[in-house]
Protein backbone atom coordinates (compact mmCIF):
# COMPACT_ATOMS: atom_id res chain seq x y z
CA MET A 1 -91.40 -94.07 -31.24
CA LYS A 2 -88.54 -96.08 -32.66
CA LEU A 3 -86.94 -98.90 -30.65
CA LEU A 4 -83.84 -101.02 -31.26
CA THR A 5 -82.59 -104.19 -29.59
CA LEU A 6 -79.20 -105.77 -30.25
CA ASN A 7 -76.99 -108.38 -28.61
CA THR A 8 -73.69 -106.58 -29.22
CA HIS A 9 -71.26 -109.47 -28.48
CA SER A 10 -68.95 -106.62 -27.57
CA TRP A 11 -65.16 -106.92 -27.49
CA LEU A 12 -65.54 -110.41 -28.96
CA GLU A 13 -65.84 -109.28 -32.57
CA GLU A 14 -63.08 -108.94 -35.15
CA ASN A 15 -62.59 -105.30 -36.21
CA GLN A 16 -64.49 -104.26 -33.09
CA GLN A 17 -63.69 -100.55 -33.29
CA GLU A 18 -64.87 -100.40 -36.90
CA LYS A 19 -68.10 -102.16 -35.92
CA LEU A 20 -68.63 -99.73 -33.05
CA THR A 21 -68.38 -96.94 -35.63
CA TYR A 22 -70.95 -98.65 -37.89
CA LEU A 23 -73.29 -99.07 -34.92
CA ALA A 24 -73.00 -95.40 -33.98
CA GLU A 25 -73.57 -94.29 -37.57
CA LYS A 26 -76.77 -96.33 -37.90
CA ILE A 27 -78.10 -95.08 -34.57
CA ALA A 28 -77.32 -91.49 -35.52
CA THR A 29 -79.17 -91.93 -38.82
CA GLU A 30 -82.24 -93.53 -37.26
CA ALA A 31 -82.24 -91.51 -34.00
CA TYR A 32 -83.94 -94.32 -32.06
CA ASP A 33 -85.87 -93.16 -29.03
CA LEU A 34 -84.76 -96.12 -26.93
CA ILE A 35 -82.12 -98.82 -27.40
CA ALA A 36 -81.79 -102.08 -25.47
CA LEU A 37 -78.40 -103.82 -25.64
CA GLN A 38 -77.16 -107.17 -24.35
CA GLU A 39 -73.64 -108.58 -23.85
CA VAL A 40 -72.44 -105.06 -23.11
CA ASN A 41 -68.97 -105.81 -21.81
CA GLN A 42 -66.05 -104.27 -19.99
CA LEU A 43 -62.90 -105.99 -18.74
CA TRP A 44 -63.29 -107.79 -15.43
CA THR A 45 -60.49 -106.94 -13.01
CA ASN A 46 -61.30 -108.57 -9.65
CA ASP A 47 -63.17 -111.39 -7.98
CA ASN A 48 -66.41 -109.48 -7.50
CA GLN A 49 -68.91 -107.79 -9.74
CA THR A 50 -68.71 -104.03 -9.97
CA THR A 51 -71.31 -101.48 -11.00
CA GLU A 52 -68.52 -99.05 -11.90
CA LEU A 53 -68.47 -97.98 -15.54
CA LYS A 54 -64.91 -98.47 -16.73
CA ALA A 55 -63.22 -96.68 -19.59
CA ASP A 56 -63.70 -99.67 -21.89
CA ASN A 57 -67.41 -100.14 -21.18
CA PHE A 58 -68.77 -100.78 -24.68
CA GLY A 59 -72.04 -98.96 -24.12
CA GLY A 60 -70.31 -96.01 -22.53
CA LEU A 61 -68.04 -95.67 -25.55
CA LEU A 62 -71.07 -95.88 -27.83
CA VAL A 63 -72.81 -93.07 -25.92
CA LYS A 64 -69.68 -90.92 -26.28
CA ALA A 65 -69.52 -91.61 -30.01
CA LEU A 66 -73.16 -90.59 -30.35
CA ALA A 67 -72.62 -87.40 -28.34
CA GLU A 68 -69.89 -86.46 -30.82
CA LYS A 69 -72.63 -86.68 -33.46
CA GLU A 70 -74.85 -84.35 -31.39
CA LEU A 71 -77.17 -87.21 -30.41
CA PHE A 72 -77.52 -87.51 -26.65
CA TYR A 73 -78.74 -90.50 -24.65
CA GLU A 74 -79.25 -91.18 -20.98
CA TYR A 75 -77.27 -94.37 -20.29
CA HIS A 76 -78.03 -97.17 -17.82
CA TRP A 77 -75.93 -100.34 -17.47
CA VAL A 78 -75.94 -103.24 -15.03
CA PRO A 79 -73.43 -106.12 -14.83
CA VAL A 80 -75.02 -109.58 -14.84
CA HIS A 81 -72.28 -112.21 -14.76
CA LEU A 82 -68.71 -112.98 -15.70
CA GLY A 83 -68.65 -113.39 -19.45
CA PHE A 84 -66.13 -115.46 -21.41
CA ASN A 85 -63.95 -115.59 -18.28
CA LYS A 86 -62.78 -111.99 -18.68
CA TYR A 87 -65.66 -109.53 -18.90
CA ASP A 88 -68.20 -107.86 -16.68
CA GLU A 89 -71.03 -108.83 -19.02
CA GLY A 90 -74.12 -106.70 -18.68
CA LEU A 91 -77.31 -105.18 -20.01
CA ALA A 92 -77.76 -101.59 -21.13
CA ILE A 93 -80.50 -99.16 -22.07
CA LEU A 94 -80.03 -95.87 -23.89
CA SER A 95 -82.91 -93.38 -23.80
CA ARG A 96 -83.32 -90.03 -25.52
CA GLN A 97 -86.11 -89.16 -23.10
CA PRO A 98 -85.42 -88.58 -19.39
CA VAL A 99 -85.88 -91.76 -17.37
CA ASN A 100 -88.40 -91.50 -14.54
CA GLN A 101 -87.07 -94.54 -12.65
CA THR A 102 -85.09 -97.72 -13.18
CA LYS A 103 -85.60 -101.30 -12.04
CA GLU A 104 -83.17 -104.20 -11.78
CA ILE A 105 -84.57 -107.72 -11.35
CA LEU A 106 -82.65 -110.92 -10.60
CA ILE A 107 -84.59 -113.44 -12.70
CA SER A 108 -82.41 -116.53 -12.28
CA ASN A 109 -81.48 -118.36 -9.11
CA ASP A 110 -78.99 -116.34 -7.07
CA TYR A 111 -75.88 -117.85 -8.63
CA ALA A 112 -72.40 -116.44 -8.03
CA PHE A 113 -71.29 -113.67 -10.37
CA ALA A 114 -68.81 -116.06 -12.01
CA ASP A 115 -71.67 -118.39 -13.03
CA HIS A 116 -73.00 -117.72 -16.55
CA ARG A 117 -76.45 -118.90 -15.40
CA ARG A 118 -76.89 -115.68 -13.41
CA ARG A 119 -79.46 -113.55 -15.28
CA LYS A 120 -81.05 -110.16 -14.67
CA ALA A 121 -83.52 -107.77 -16.28
CA LEU A 122 -82.83 -104.05 -16.56
CA GLY A 123 -85.83 -101.75 -16.92
CA VAL A 124 -86.48 -98.04 -17.28
CA GLU A 125 -89.75 -96.17 -16.95
CA LEU A 126 -90.67 -93.33 -19.30
CA ILE A 127 -93.81 -91.24 -18.94
CA ILE A 128 -95.31 -90.79 -22.39
CA ASN A 129 -98.51 -88.79 -22.83
CA GLY A 130 -99.17 -89.19 -19.14
CA ARG A 131 -98.91 -93.00 -19.20
CA SER A 132 -96.23 -95.19 -17.65
CA HIS A 133 -94.15 -97.08 -20.23
CA TRP A 134 -91.58 -99.64 -19.06
CA PHE A 135 -88.81 -100.95 -21.31
CA PHE A 136 -86.69 -103.95 -20.29
CA SER A 137 -83.42 -105.17 -21.76
CA LEU A 138 -83.17 -108.96 -21.37
CA HIS A 139 -80.81 -111.82 -22.12
CA PHE A 140 -82.42 -115.13 -21.17
CA SER A 141 -80.93 -118.59 -20.76
CA TRP A 142 -81.77 -121.48 -23.04
CA TRP A 143 -84.80 -123.72 -22.55
CA GLN A 144 -84.35 -126.45 -19.94
CA GLN A 145 -86.80 -129.26 -19.25
CA ASN A 146 -86.36 -128.64 -15.52
CA PRO A 147 -88.87 -125.85 -14.74
CA ASP A 148 -86.68 -124.59 -11.90
CA GLU A 149 -83.74 -123.76 -14.17
CA GLY A 150 -83.06 -121.86 -17.37
CA PHE A 151 -85.68 -120.00 -19.33
CA GLN A 152 -88.71 -121.42 -17.53
CA LYS A 153 -87.47 -120.27 -14.12
CA GLU A 154 -86.39 -116.87 -15.44
CA TRP A 155 -89.64 -116.20 -17.29
CA ARG A 156 -91.77 -117.21 -14.29
CA THR A 157 -89.80 -114.89 -12.00
CA LEU A 158 -89.92 -111.98 -14.42
CA SER A 159 -93.64 -112.43 -15.08
CA ALA A 160 -94.48 -112.23 -11.38
CA GLN A 161 -92.50 -108.99 -11.03
CA LEU A 162 -94.10 -107.44 -14.10
CA GLN A 163 -97.61 -108.00 -12.77
CA ASP A 164 -96.84 -105.49 -10.03
CA LEU A 165 -95.62 -102.95 -12.58
CA LYS A 166 -98.66 -103.27 -14.83
CA HIS A 167 -101.19 -102.24 -12.21
CA GLN A 168 -100.35 -98.86 -10.76
CA GLN A 169 -102.35 -96.08 -9.15
CA THR A 170 -101.74 -93.93 -12.22
CA GLY A 171 -103.22 -96.60 -14.52
CA GLU A 172 -102.00 -99.73 -16.25
CA ALA A 173 -98.46 -99.47 -17.59
CA LEU A 174 -97.47 -100.47 -21.11
CA ILE A 175 -94.44 -102.80 -20.95
CA PHE A 176 -91.95 -103.68 -23.66
CA LEU A 177 -89.52 -106.62 -23.42
CA LEU A 178 -86.51 -106.29 -25.72
CA GLY A 179 -83.60 -108.63 -26.15
CA ASP A 180 -82.05 -112.02 -26.78
CA PHE A 181 -84.55 -114.64 -25.60
CA ASN A 182 -82.52 -117.70 -26.72
CA ASN A 183 -85.77 -119.44 -27.72
CA PRO A 184 -86.49 -119.79 -31.46
CA ALA A 185 -89.96 -118.87 -32.68
CA GLN A 186 -90.19 -122.10 -34.65
CA GLU A 187 -89.67 -124.39 -31.64
CA LYS A 188 -92.94 -125.91 -30.47
CA GLU A 189 -93.97 -125.94 -26.80
CA GLN A 190 -90.95 -123.99 -25.59
CA GLY A 191 -90.18 -120.42 -24.60
CA TYR A 192 -91.72 -118.50 -27.49
CA GLN A 193 -95.05 -120.27 -27.09
CA LEU A 194 -94.92 -119.81 -23.31
CA ILE A 195 -94.60 -116.05 -23.75
CA HIS A 196 -97.57 -115.97 -26.11
CA ALA A 197 -99.63 -118.13 -23.76
CA ASP A 198 -99.07 -115.50 -21.05
CA GLY A 199 -100.64 -112.85 -23.27
CA TRP A 200 -97.59 -111.02 -24.60
CA GLN A 201 -97.68 -109.68 -28.16
CA ASP A 202 -94.82 -110.17 -30.63
CA THR A 203 -94.39 -106.81 -32.38
CA PHE A 204 -93.10 -108.64 -35.47
CA LEU A 205 -96.59 -110.13 -35.85
CA LEU A 206 -98.35 -106.85 -35.05
CA ALA A 207 -96.38 -104.83 -37.61
CA GLU A 208 -98.02 -103.50 -40.76
CA LYS A 209 -94.69 -103.87 -42.58
CA THR A 210 -91.91 -106.36 -41.89
CA SER A 211 -88.44 -106.84 -43.31
CA GLY A 212 -86.32 -109.85 -42.41
CA SER A 213 -86.98 -112.51 -39.80
CA ALA A 214 -83.95 -114.50 -38.59
CA THR A 215 -81.64 -112.77 -36.14
CA VAL A 216 -78.99 -115.52 -36.05
CA GLU A 217 -77.92 -117.15 -39.30
CA ALA A 218 -75.15 -119.55 -38.32
CA GLU A 219 -73.37 -121.37 -35.52
CA ILE A 220 -72.61 -119.09 -32.56
CA THR A 221 -71.82 -119.56 -28.87
CA GLY A 222 -74.72 -121.43 -27.32
CA TRP A 223 -75.97 -122.55 -30.73
CA GLU A 224 -72.93 -124.54 -31.80
CA ASN A 225 -74.81 -126.93 -34.10
CA ASN A 226 -77.11 -124.36 -35.66
CA GLN A 227 -77.22 -124.57 -39.45
CA GLN A 228 -80.28 -122.44 -40.17
CA GLY A 229 -81.66 -118.98 -39.69
CA ILE A 230 -83.42 -118.66 -36.34
CA ARG A 231 -85.40 -115.81 -34.78
CA ILE A 232 -84.40 -115.49 -31.12
CA ASP A 233 -84.23 -111.70 -30.66
CA TYR A 234 -87.60 -110.03 -30.07
CA ILE A 235 -89.55 -107.02 -28.97
CA PHE A 236 -92.67 -108.06 -27.06
CA VAL A 237 -95.35 -105.72 -25.72
CA SER A 238 -97.88 -106.29 -22.93
CA GLU A 239 -100.94 -105.48 -25.05
CA LYS A 240 -101.91 -105.25 -28.68
CA ILE A 241 -100.85 -101.87 -30.09
CA PRO A 242 -100.53 -100.46 -33.63
CA VAL A 243 -96.99 -101.15 -34.90
CA HIS A 244 -96.02 -99.43 -38.12
CA SER A 245 -92.95 -101.52 -38.96
CA SER A 246 -90.58 -104.22 -37.74
CA GLN A 247 -87.32 -105.01 -39.44
CA VAL A 248 -84.09 -106.85 -38.92
CA CYS A 249 -81.03 -104.60 -39.03
CA PHE A 250 -77.25 -104.96 -38.86
CA ASP A 251 -77.69 -107.94 -41.17
CA GLY A 252 -75.44 -106.81 -44.01
CA GLN A 253 -78.38 -105.36 -45.92
CA ASN A 254 -79.95 -102.93 -43.47
CA ALA A 255 -76.60 -101.70 -42.07
CA PRO A 256 -73.34 -103.69 -41.80
CA VAL A 257 -73.06 -106.76 -39.56
CA VAL A 258 -71.69 -105.67 -36.16
CA SER A 259 -72.30 -108.77 -34.00
CA ASP A 260 -73.03 -112.50 -34.10
CA HIS A 261 -76.69 -111.43 -33.73
CA TYR A 262 -78.66 -109.12 -35.98
CA GLY A 263 -80.69 -106.33 -34.43
CA VAL A 264 -84.44 -105.74 -34.44
CA GLU A 265 -86.00 -102.29 -34.80
CA ILE A 266 -89.65 -101.27 -34.63
CA ALA A 267 -91.64 -98.07 -35.11
CA PHE A 268 -94.96 -97.65 -33.32
């Protein structure tokens, strides 16, 4: 299988339509089996969140562009919070294989929709060779020293929910976590190390071949003083599996830059 994760920063990019075209072209070339996207936006038009897909939903437009290329995906999107004071900002998953079931998890405290601290996880289950495989699109908060806020709270909540998914009557599920974790791999005793301590495997480290590392190269929203390449976008898996390759994409070398984040793709 081939997986892709990308924080799209949608409708916030210059030359957005051109970048949407680049994104669709790369996906059509690679024919990823499953794609996890974050910051998948549509214009916000009222005081409450809506699950309605509007005409400008970035992921919906991407799915249409791919269908025009004869590549068809099942599309799932969930709004998470008000983004940049004007968007229903959400998570999305595109799957070429029929989805058996979906799961939506509130991983932060139950903040109002207008509060950017509100965070969710969006998961889909695929049955592959008779085994349950779950794939989650995630966009975590930054590390906070207070364990009841930010990444620590969100990770603890998610972990508890995933334990129930792992152990099923049909056998133990294989779970993939894809997305923007907002915790650099090089930071000691923070989020990345916490994930490893809980037994999750970084597919970048499992891969036989790797290309690229950093997924953010400069100052962006939330990392205003960043002056170095940092790896904050990951694909984790619940157990050690053979991974053929892991590479950074949409970095100007492996496909044009389409966002303030680069993407990560793996083959396993």
